[in-house]
Amino acid sequence: MSVKLNHRITGEGSPVILLHGVFGSLENLGGIARKLHGEWQVHALDERNHGSSPHTDTMDYPSMAEDVIAYMDEQGIDKACLLGHSMGGKVAMQVALQAPERVEKLIVADISPVSYKPGHDAILDGLKQVDLTKVRSRRDADTQLAKFVDVAAIRQFLLMNLVRIPNDAQVNGGPVYRWRLNLHAIETCYPNLAKAPDGDGPYNGPVLFLKGADSAYIQEKHRSEIYRLFPQAQISTIEGAGHWLHAEKTDEFIALCRRFLEGNNSD
């Protein structure tokens, strides 16, 4: 069963739907939305169990694709361009494989349509181990999380999910902050998120895969599966960027997306 996704709509024109990665929210792709909304109507979504969208025990790519399709139905969008990063890229691919008639074009940022080994165990452990009863500031949470996550930028990203409990909802002596992520569901369903999108394909529309040169998420050995499921795919590499290519090399990322969305995507 689909859930009603929290969203933010900016701009006017043909619809482009943005889908964030695991532990993220629609704010993570805010820079992309700001760069595109002058020419397109941008729909930034919080996926289930993330941001301000509903929590649910079920979390797999067919269900998450249904959420996106239900959102399109609600908004009266017959067909849209989809842009997804990491987990969001798999959701976008799932939509294209599951309902190809609803996808105009597809942009997949630094993820392949393959299964991966679990790679977020330390993050999940760290988030679970934060004792919210002892957190009175984000600095307190950062100090606790640093025992599990060394990179400050990653902690800053994760702590965007820490939200203050309204004063009238706080219990005397209880937590001041809470996680807006559904950590239990993400942990329980993480094996589903590591899987490949579920579909035999192919999706024959235009597809752009964007790879960070310093990232290992799109590898040479993945190309056969990419082209099997997405025969019209092109793969572009952004030098000097890792997995967070849209944040590390924003101008180049946007330029490639804009050229592709406008249709001037020949090499």
C-alpha atoms as a PDB file:
ATOM      1  CA  MET A   1       0.000   0.000   0.000  1.00  0.00           C
ATOM      2  CA  SER A   2       1.365   3.420  -0.952  1.00  0.00           C
ATOM      3  CA  VAL A   3       1.867   6.251   1.521  1.00  0.00           C
ATOM      4  CA  LYS A   4       1.292   9.958   0.917  1.00  0.00           C
ATOM      5  CA  LEU A   5       4.699  11.584   0.577  1.00  0.00           C
ATOM      6  CA  ASN A   6       5.707  14.937   1.982  1.00  0.00           C
ATOM      7  CA  HIS A   7       6.821  17.172  -0.849  1.00  0.00           C
ATOM      8  CA  ARG A   8       7.875  20.624  -1.973  1.00  0.00           C
ATOM      9  CA  ILE A   9       6.950  22.046  -5.383  1.00  0.00           C
ATOM     10  CA  THR A  10       8.847  24.937  -6.956  1.00  0.00           C
ATOM     11  CA  GLY A  11       8.870  26.469 -10.419  1.00  0.00           C
ATOM     12  CA  GLU A  12       6.702  25.987 -13.469  1.00  0.00           C
ATOM     13  CA  GLY A  13       6.986  23.886 -16.582  1.00  0.00           C
ATOM     14  CA  SER A  14       7.436  20.189 -17.262  1.00  0.00           C
ATOM     15  CA  PRO A  15       7.649  18.157 -14.036  1.00  0.00           C
ATOM     16  CA  VAL A  16      10.934  16.848 -12.656  1.00  0.00           C
ATOM     17  CA  ILE A  17      10.753  14.643  -9.541  1.00  0.00           C
ATOM     18  CA  LEU A  18      13.746  14.530  -7.171  1.00  0.00           C
ATOM     19  CA  LEU A  19      14.422  11.471  -4.985  1.00  0.00           C
ATOM     20  CA  HIS A  20      17.037  11.540  -2.200  1.00  0.00           C
ATOM     21  CA  GLY A  21      19.250   8.776  -0.810  1.00  0.00           C
ATOM     22  CA  VAL A  22      19.047   6.761   2.404  1.00  0.00           C
ATOM     23  CA  PHE A  23      19.149   8.817   5.643  1.00  0.00           C
ATOM     24  CA  GLY A  24      18.313  11.890   3.527  1.00  0.00           C
ATOM     25  CA  SER A  25      15.350  14.148   2.864  1.00  0.00           C
ATOM     26  CA  LEU A  26      14.123  16.521   0.198  1.00  0.00           C
ATOM     27  CA  GLU A  27      16.463  19.208   1.575  1.00  0.00           C
ATOM     28  CA  ASN A  28      19.470  17.190   0.378  1.00  0.00           C
ATOM     29  CA  LEU A  29      18.620  17.951  -3.246  1.00  0.00           C
ATOM     30  CA  GLY A  30      17.612  21.530  -2.525  1.00  0.00           C
ATOM     31  CA  GLY A  31      20.548  22.912  -4.502  1.00  0.00           C
ATOM     32  CA  ILE A  32      19.426  20.990  -7.567  1.00  0.00           C
ATOM     33  CA  ALA A  33      15.847  22.188  -7.136  1.00  0.00           C
ATOM     34  CA  ARG A  34      16.987  25.814  -6.940  1.00  0.00           C
ATOM     35  CA  LYS A  35      19.039  25.444 -10.118  1.00  0.00           C
ATOM     36  CA  LEU A  36      16.258  23.776 -12.113  1.00  0.00           C
ATOM     37  CA  HIS A  37      13.033  25.432 -11.012  1.00  0.00           C
ATOM     38  CA  GLY A  38      13.500  28.371 -13.372  1.00  0.00           C
ATOM     39  CA  GLU A  39      12.789  26.062 -16.326  1.00  0.00           C
ATOM     40  CA  TRP A  40      10.982  23.073 -14.838  1.00  0.00           C
ATOM     41  CA  GLN A  41       8.400  22.415 -12.156  1.00  0.00           C
ATOM     42  CA  VAL A  42      10.458  20.620  -9.529  1.00  0.00           C
ATOM     43  CA  HIS A  43       8.834  18.149  -7.139  1.00  0.00           C
ATOM     44  CA  ALA A  44      11.173  17.269  -4.259  1.00  0.00           C
ATOM     45  CA  LEU A  45       9.895  14.301  -2.244  1.00  0.00           C
ATOM     46  CA  ASP A  46      10.597  12.842   1.189  1.00  0.00           C
ATOM     47  CA  GLU A  47      10.558   9.086   0.684  1.00  0.00           C
ATOM     48  CA  ARG A  48       8.794   6.832   3.192  1.00  0.00           C
ATOM     49  CA  ASN A  49      10.459   6.604   6.622  1.00  0.00           C
ATOM     50  CA  HIS A  50      12.462   9.750   5.811  1.00  0.00           C
ATOM     51  CA  GLY A  51      11.949  13.466   6.355  1.00  0.00           C
ATOM     52  CA  SER A  52       8.343  14.353   7.103  1.00  0.00           C
ATOM     53  CA  SER A  53       6.803  11.461   5.188  1.00  0.00           C
ATOM     54  CA  PRO A  54       4.885   8.701   6.985  1.00  0.00           C
ATOM     55  CA  HIS A  55       6.577   5.828   8.777  1.00  0.00           C
ATOM     56  CA  THR A  56       5.770   2.310   7.680  1.00  0.00           C
ATOM     57  CA  ASP A  57       7.148  -1.144   8.428  1.00  0.00           C
ATOM     58  CA  THR A  58       7.398  -1.994   4.724  1.00  0.00           C
ATOM     59  CA  MET A  59      10.322  -0.619   2.737  1.00  0.00           C
ATOM     60  CA  ASP A  60      11.300  -2.065  -0.629  1.00  0.00           C
ATOM     61  CA  TYR A  61      11.679  -0.669  -4.108  1.00  0.00           C
ATOM     62  CA  PRO A  62       8.325  -1.789  -5.548  1.00  0.00           C
ATOM     63  CA  SER A  63       6.513  -0.181  -2.579  1.00  0.00           C
ATOM     64  CA  MET A  64       8.571   3.006  -2.774  1.00  0.00           C
ATOM     65  CA  ALA A  65       7.933   3.217  -6.517  1.00  0.00           C
ATOM     66  CA  GLU A  66       4.209   2.911  -5.810  1.00  0.00           C
ATOM     67  CA  ASP A  67       4.539   5.903  -3.466  1.00  0.00           C
ATOM     68  CA  VAL A  68       5.979   7.979  -6.306  1.00  0.00           C
ATOM     69  CA  ILE A  69       3.334   6.829  -8.788  1.00  0.00           C
ATOM     70  CA  ALA A  70       0.583   7.597  -6.255  1.00  0.00           C
ATOM     71  CA  TYR A  71       2.098  11.052  -5.772  1.00  0.00           C
ATOM     72  CA  MET A  72       2.034  11.622  -9.535  1.00  0.00           C
ATOM     73  CA  ASP A  73      -1.600  10.539  -9.651  1.00  0.00           C
ATOM     74  CA  GLU A  74      -2.454  12.910  -6.812  1.00  0.00           C
ATOM     75  CA  GLN A  75      -0.729  15.804  -8.560  1.00  0.00           C
ATOM     76  CA  GLY A  76      -2.278  14.997 -11.933  1.00  0.00           C
ATOM     77  CA  ILE A  77       1.120  14.246 -13.476  1.00  0.00           C
ATOM     78  CA  ASP A  78       0.787  11.824 -16.363  1.00  0.00           C
ATOM     79  CA  LYS A  79       4.507  11.656 -17.156  1.00  0.00           C
ATOM     80  CA  ALA A  80       7.598  13.142 -15.499  1.00  0.00           C
ATOM     81  CA  CYS A  81      11.365  13.198 -15.597  1.00  0.00           C
ATOM     82  CA  LEU A  82      12.867  11.484 -12.548  1.00  0.00           C
ATOM     83  CA  LEU A  83      16.194  12.309 -10.906  1.00  0.00           C
ATOM     84  CA  GLY A  84      17.356  10.107  -8.053  1.00  0.00           C
ATOM     85  CA  HIS A  85      20.555   9.902  -6.017  1.00  0.00           C
ATOM     86  CA  SER A  86      21.775   6.623  -4.499  1.00  0.00           C
ATOM     87  CA  MET A  87      18.738   4.891  -2.940  1.00  0.00           C
ATOM     88  CA  GLY A  88      16.582   7.466  -4.700  1.00  0.00           C
ATOM     89  CA  GLY A  89      18.220   6.448  -7.956  1.00  0.00           C
ATOM     90  CA  LYS A  90      17.100   2.872  -7.376  1.00  0.00           C
ATOM     91  CA  VAL A  91      13.580   4.085  -6.615  1.00  0.00           C
ATOM     92  CA  ALA A  92      13.620   6.107  -9.851  1.00  0.00           C
ATOM     93  CA  MET A  93      14.832   3.058 -11.806  1.00  0.00           C
ATOM     94  CA  GLN A  94      12.101   0.961 -10.193  1.00  0.00           C
ATOM     95  CA  VAL A  95       9.444   3.439 -11.312  1.00  0.00           C
ATOM     96  CA  ALA A  96      10.815   3.325 -14.860  1.00  0.00           C
ATOM     97  CA  LEU A  97      10.836  -0.489 -14.903  1.00  0.00           C
ATOM     98  CA  GLN A  98       7.476  -0.803 -13.141  1.00  0.00           C
ATOM     99  CA  ALA A  99       5.576   1.924 -14.995  1.00  0.00           C
ATOM    100  CA  PRO A 100       7.647   2.972 -18.032  1.00  0.00           C
ATOM    101  CA  GLU A 101       4.754   4.923 -19.497  1.00  0.00           C
ATOM    102  CA  ARG A 102       4.975   7.372 -16.562  1.00  0.00           C
ATOM    103  CA  VAL A 103       8.657   8.282 -17.057  1.00  0.00           C
ATOM    104  CA  GLU A 104       9.738  10.825 -19.669  1.00  0.00           C
ATOM    105  CA  LYS A 105      13.462  10.680 -18.879  1.00  0.00           C
ATOM    106  CA  LEU A 106      15.549   9.236 -16.081  1.00  0.00           C
ATOM    107  CA  ILE A 107      18.663  10.598 -14.346  1.00  0.00           C
ATOM    108  CA  VAL A 108      20.442   8.216 -11.952  1.00  0.00           C
ATOM    109  CA  ALA A 109      23.124   9.744  -9.729  1.00  0.00           C
ATOM    110  CA  ASP A 110      25.929   7.399  -8.662  1.00  0.00           C
ATOM    111  CA  ILE A 111      24.161   4.077  -8.265  1.00  0.00           C
ATOM    112  CA  SER A 112      23.790   0.998 -10.483  1.00  0.00           C
ATOM    113  CA  PRO A 113      20.827  -1.388 -10.889  1.00  0.00           C
ATOM    114  CA  VAL A 114      22.643  -4.095  -8.938  1.00  0.00           C
ATOM    115  CA  SER A 115      22.721  -5.513  -5.423  1.00  0.00           C
ATOM    116  CA  TYR A 116      25.373  -4.180  -3.044  1.00  0.00           C
ATOM    117  CA  LYS A 117      26.895  -5.517   0.131  1.00  0.00           C
ATOM    118  CA  PRO A 118      25.594  -3.728   3.267  1.00  0.00           C
ATOM    119  CA  GLY A 119      27.574  -0.532   3.696  1.00  0.00           C
ATOM    120  CA  HIS A 120      25.868   1.501   6.402  1.00  0.00           C
ATOM    121  CA  ASP A 121      26.190  -0.731   9.459  1.00  0.00           C
ATOM    122  CA  ALA A 122      28.359   1.759  11.365  1.00  0.00           C
ATOM    123  CA  ILE A 123      25.939   4.592  10.655  1.00  0.00           C
ATOM    124  CA  LEU A 124      22.919   2.564  11.741  1.00  0.00           C
ATOM    125  CA  ASP A 125      24.731   1.457  14.899  1.00  0.00           C
ATOM    126  CA  GLY A 126      25.774   5.021  15.656  1.00  0.00           C
ATOM    127  CA  LEU A 127      22.303   6.473  15.191  1.00  0.00           C
ATOM    128  CA  LYS A 128      20.783   3.758  17.387  1.00  0.00           C
ATOM    129  CA  GLN A 129      23.412   4.251  20.092  1.00  0.00           C
ATOM    130  CA  VAL A 130      22.836   7.987  20.490  1.00  0.00           C
ATOM    131  CA  ASP A 131      21.229   8.409  23.917  1.00  0.00           C
ATOM    132  CA  LEU A 132      18.622  11.071  23.238  1.00  0.00           C
ATOM    133  CA  THR A 133      17.950  11.555  26.950  1.00  0.00           C
ATOM    134  CA  LYS A 134      21.444  13.064  27.189  1.00  0.00           C
ATOM    135  CA  VAL A 135      21.143  15.271  24.110  1.00  0.00           C
ATOM    136  CA  ARG A 136      20.408  18.907  24.864  1.00  0.00           C
ATOM    137  CA  SER A 137      22.050  20.301  21.729  1.00  0.00           C
ATOM    138  CA  ARG A 138      23.206  19.112  18.330  1.00  0.00           C
ATOM    139  CA  ARG A 139      26.748  19.294  19.662  1.00  0.00           C
ATOM    140  CA  ASP A 140      25.837  16.684  22.277  1.00  0.00           C
ATOM    141  CA  ALA A 141      24.523  14.379  19.561  1.00  0.00           C
ATOM    142  CA  ASP A 142      27.552  15.000  17.374  1.00  0.00           C
ATOM    143  CA  THR A 143      29.884  14.048  20.221  1.00  0.00           C
ATOM    144  CA  GLN A 144      28.091  10.745  20.705  1.00  0.00           C
ATOM    145  CA  LEU A 145      27.853  10.000  16.991  1.00  0.00           C
ATOM    146  CA  ALA A 146      31.572  10.720  16.451  1.00  0.00           C
ATOM    147  CA  LYS A 147      32.373   7.426  18.226  1.00  0.00           C
ATOM    148  CA  PHE A 148      30.853   5.622  15.234  1.00  0.00           C
ATOM    149  CA  VAL A 149      31.183   8.037  12.299  1.00  0.00           C
ATOM    150  CA  ASP A 150      34.588   9.664  11.830  1.00  0.00           C
ATOM    151  CA  VAL A 151      33.793  12.085   9.002  1.00  0.00           C
ATOM    152  CA  ALA A 152      32.342  15.363  10.278  1.00  0.00           C
ATOM    153  CA  ALA A 153      30.513  16.104   7.004  1.00  0.00           C
ATOM    154  CA  ILE A 154      28.691  12.772   7.184  1.00  0.00           C
ATOM    155  CA  ARG A 155      27.708  13.450  10.805  1.00  0.00           C
ATOM    156  CA  GLN A 156      26.418  16.874   9.800  1.00  0.00           C
ATOM    157  CA  PHE A 157      24.312  15.261   7.082  1.00  0.00           C
ATOM    158  CA  LEU A 158      22.941  12.637   9.495  1.00  0.00           C
ATOM    159  CA  LEU A 159      22.166  15.190  12.183  1.00  0.00           C
ATOM    160  CA  MET A 160      19.827  16.984   9.806  1.00  0.00           C
ATOM    161  CA  ASN A 161      17.435  14.226  10.879  1.00  0.00           C
ATOM    162  CA  LEU A 162      17.547  15.333  14.510  1.00  0.00           C
ATOM    163  CA  VAL A 163      14.538  17.543  15.255  1.00  0.00           C
ATOM    164  CA  ARG A 164      13.539  19.316  18.427  1.00  0.00           C
ATOM    165  CA  ILE A 165      10.409  18.075  20.170  1.00  0.00           C
ATOM    166  CA  PRO A 166       7.895  20.931  20.645  1.00  0.00           C
ATOM    167  CA  ASN A 167       7.905  22.246  24.211  1.00  0.00           C
ATOM    168  CA  ASP A 168       4.307  21.213  24.838  1.00  0.00           C
ATOM    169  CA  ALA A 169       5.105  17.644  23.753  1.00  0.00           C
ATOM    170  CA  GLN A 170       8.187  17.203  25.904  1.00  0.00           C
ATOM    171  CA  VAL A 171       8.032  15.106  29.051  1.00  0.00           C
ATOM    172  CA  ASN A 172       9.748  16.488  32.126  1.00  0.00           C
ATOM    173  CA  GLY A 173      13.210  14.934  32.241  1.00  0.00           C
ATOM    174  CA  GLY A 174      12.678  13.238  28.880  1.00  0.00           C
ATOM    175  CA  PRO A 175      14.275  13.810  25.487  1.00  0.00           C
ATOM    176  CA  VAL A 176      14.388  17.248  23.897  1.00  0.00           C
ATOM    177  CA  TYR A 177      15.188  15.864  20.453  1.00  0.00           C
ATOM    178  CA  ARG A 178      13.954  12.941  18.355  1.00  0.00           C
ATOM    179  CA  TRP A 179      14.928  11.293  15.092  1.00  0.00           C
ATOM    180  CA  ARG A 180      12.525  11.934  12.258  1.00  0.00           C
ATOM    181  CA  LEU A 181      13.952   8.873  10.492  1.00  0.00           C
ATOM    182  CA  ASN A 182      12.227   5.559  11.120  1.00  0.00           C
ATOM    183  CA  LEU A 183      15.474   3.910  12.194  1.00  0.00           C
ATOM    184  CA  HIS A 184      13.837   0.593  13.104  1.00  0.00           C
ATOM    185  CA  ALA A 185      12.262   0.170   9.669  1.00  0.00           C
ATOM    186  CA  ILE A 186      15.404   1.278   7.820  1.00  0.00           C
ATOM    187  CA  GLU A 187      17.498  -1.219   9.773  1.00  0.00           C
ATOM    188  CA  THR A 188      14.994  -4.056   9.419  1.00  0.00           C
ATOM    189  CA  CYS A 189      14.440  -3.430   5.720  1.00  0.00           C
ATOM    190  CA  TYR A 190      18.031  -2.550   4.858  1.00  0.00           C
ATOM    191  CA  PRO A 191      18.598  -5.853   3.005  1.00  0.00           C
ATOM    192  CA  ASN A 192      15.798  -4.756   0.649  1.00  0.00           C
ATOM    193  CA  LEU A 193      17.526  -1.417   0.065  1.00  0.00           C
ATOM    194  CA  ALA A 194      20.787  -3.161  -0.819  1.00  0.00           C
ATOM    195  CA  LYS A 195      19.037  -5.146  -3.549  1.00  0.00           C
ATOM    196  CA  ALA A 196      18.765  -4.273  -7.209  1.00  0.00           C
ATOM    197  CA  PRO A 197      15.555  -2.719  -8.517  1.00  0.00           C
ATOM    198  CA  ASP A 198      12.944  -5.408  -9.082  1.00  0.00           C
ATOM    199  CA  GLY A 199      12.120  -5.601 -12.770  1.00  0.00           C
ATOM    200  CA  ASP A 200      13.123  -7.407 -15.921  1.00  0.00           C
ATOM    201  CA  GLY A 201      12.828  -4.319 -18.104  1.00  0.00           C
ATOM    202  CA  PRO A 202      13.817  -2.953 -20.323  1.00  0.00           C
ATOM    203  CA  TYR A 203      12.966   0.715 -20.002  1.00  0.00           C
ATOM    204  CA  ASN A 204      13.574   2.094 -23.477  1.00  0.00           C
ATOM    205  CA  GLY A 205      13.436   5.803 -22.710  1.00  0.00           C
ATOM    206  CA  PRO A 206      16.404   8.158 -22.356  1.00  0.00           C
ATOM    207  CA  VAL A 207      18.546   7.525 -19.268  1.00  0.00           C
ATOM    208  CA  LEU A 208      21.584   9.372 -17.934  1.00  0.00           C
ATOM    209  CA  PHE A 209      23.797   7.726 -15.317  1.00  0.00           C
ATOM    210  CA  LEU A 210      26.097  10.203 -13.571  1.00  0.00           C
ATOM    211  CA  LYS A 211      29.133   8.695 -11.865  1.00  0.00           C
ATOM    212  CA  GLY A 212      31.500  10.327  -9.411  1.00  0.00           C
ATOM    213  CA  ALA A 213      35.015   9.490 -10.617  1.00  0.00           C
ATOM    214  CA  ASP A 214      36.136   8.792  -7.043  1.00  0.00           C
ATOM    215  CA  SER A 215      33.130   6.602  -6.221  1.00  0.00           C
ATOM    216  CA  ALA A 216      32.838   2.828  -6.673  1.00  0.00           C
ATOM    217  CA  TYR A 217      29.064   2.638  -6.916  1.00  0.00           C
ATOM    218  CA  ILE A 218      29.053   2.500 -10.736  1.00  0.00           C
ATOM    219  CA  GLN A 219      31.693   0.035 -11.927  1.00  0.00           C
ATOM    220  CA  GLU A 220      32.758  -1.288 -15.302  1.00  0.00           C
ATOM    221  CA  LYS A 221      31.292  -4.695 -14.419  1.00  0.00           C
ATOM    222  CA  HIS A 222      27.871  -3.079 -13.945  1.00  0.00           C
ATOM    223  CA  ARG A 223      27.625  -1.796 -17.511  1.00  0.00           C
ATOM    224  CA  SER A 224      26.117  -4.968 -18.954  1.00  0.00           C
ATOM    225  CA  GLU A 225      23.237  -4.839 -16.468  1.00  0.00           C
ATOM    226  CA  ILE A 226      22.773  -1.117 -16.995  1.00  0.00           C
ATOM    227  CA  TYR A 227      22.451  -1.584 -20.760  1.00  0.00           C
ATOM    228  CA  ARG A 228      20.273  -4.687 -20.396  1.00  0.00           C
ATOM    229  CA  LEU A 229      17.688  -2.817 -18.339  1.00  0.00           C
ATOM    230  CA  PHE A 230      18.217   0.612 -19.908  1.00  0.00           C
ATOM    231  CA  PRO A 231      19.296   0.142 -23.547  1.00  0.00           C
ATOM    232  CA  GLN A 232      19.325   3.891 -24.257  1.00  0.00           C
ATOM    233  CA  ALA A 233      21.501   4.708 -21.244  1.00  0.00           C
ATOM    234  CA  GLN A 234      24.518   6.958 -21.396  1.00  0.00           C
ATOM    235  CA  ILE A 235      27.068   7.160 -18.590  1.00  0.00           C
ATOM    236  CA  SER A 236      28.892  10.396 -17.793  1.00  0.00           C
ATOM    237  CA  THR A 237      31.678  10.707 -15.238  1.00  0.00           C
ATOM    238  CA  ILE A 238      32.262  13.793 -13.115  1.00  0.00           C
ATOM    239  CA  GLU A 239      35.947  14.130 -12.279  1.00  0.00           C
ATOM    240  CA  GLY A 240      36.982  15.057  -8.755  1.00  0.00           C
ATOM    241  CA  ALA A 241      33.665  13.928  -7.277  1.00  0.00           C
ATOM    242  CA  GLY A 242      32.698  11.022  -5.055  1.00  0.00           C
ATOM    243  CA  HIS A 243      29.313   9.597  -4.158  1.00  0.00           C
ATOM    244  CA  TRP A 244      27.967  13.049  -3.231  1.00  0.00           C
ATOM    245  CA  LEU A 245      28.689  14.353  -6.722  1.00  0.00           C
ATOM    246  CA  HIS A 246      25.691  16.692  -6.796  1.00  0.00           C
ATOM    247  CA  ALA A 247      27.041  18.522  -3.743  1.00  0.00           C
ATOM    248  CA  GLU A 248      30.751  18.281  -4.570  1.00  0.00           C
ATOM    249  CA  LYS A 249      30.529  19.400  -8.215  1.00  0.00           C
ATOM    250  CA  THR A 250      27.156  21.134  -8.340  1.00  0.00           C
ATOM    251  CA  ASP A 251      27.717  23.277 -11.426  1.00  0.00           C
ATOM    252  CA  GLU A 252      28.978  20.383 -13.550  1.00  0.00           C
ATOM    253  CA  PHE A 253      26.219  18.107 -12.244  1.00  0.00           C
ATOM    254  CA  ILE A 254      23.537  20.662 -13.091  1.00  0.00           C
ATOM    255  CA  ALA A 255      25.022  21.364 -16.519  1.00  0.00           C
ATOM    256  CA  LEU A 256      24.863  17.678 -17.432  1.00  0.00           C
ATOM    257  CA  CYS A 257      21.314  17.341 -16.088  1.00  0.00           C
ATOM    258  CA  ARG A 258      20.144  20.464 -17.887  1.00  0.00           C
ATOM    259  CA  ARG A 259      21.619  19.358 -21.209  1.00  0.00           C
ATOM    260  CA  PHE A 260      20.002  15.948 -20.845  1.00  0.00           C
ATOM    261  CA  LEU A 261      16.604  17.293 -19.815  1.00  0.00           C
ATOM    262  CA  GLU A 262      16.623  19.787 -22.669  1.00  0.00           C
ATOM    263  CA  GLY A 263      17.328  16.963 -25.085  1.00  0.00           C
ATOM    264  CA  ASN A 264      20.808  18.059 -26.146  1.00  0.00           C
ATOM    265  CA  ASN A 265      22.353  14.917 -24.767  1.00  0.00           C
ATOM    266  CA  SER A 266      24.464  13.592 -27.594  1.00  0.00           C
ATOM    267  CA  ASP A 267      28.123  12.913 -26.784  1.00  0.00           C
END
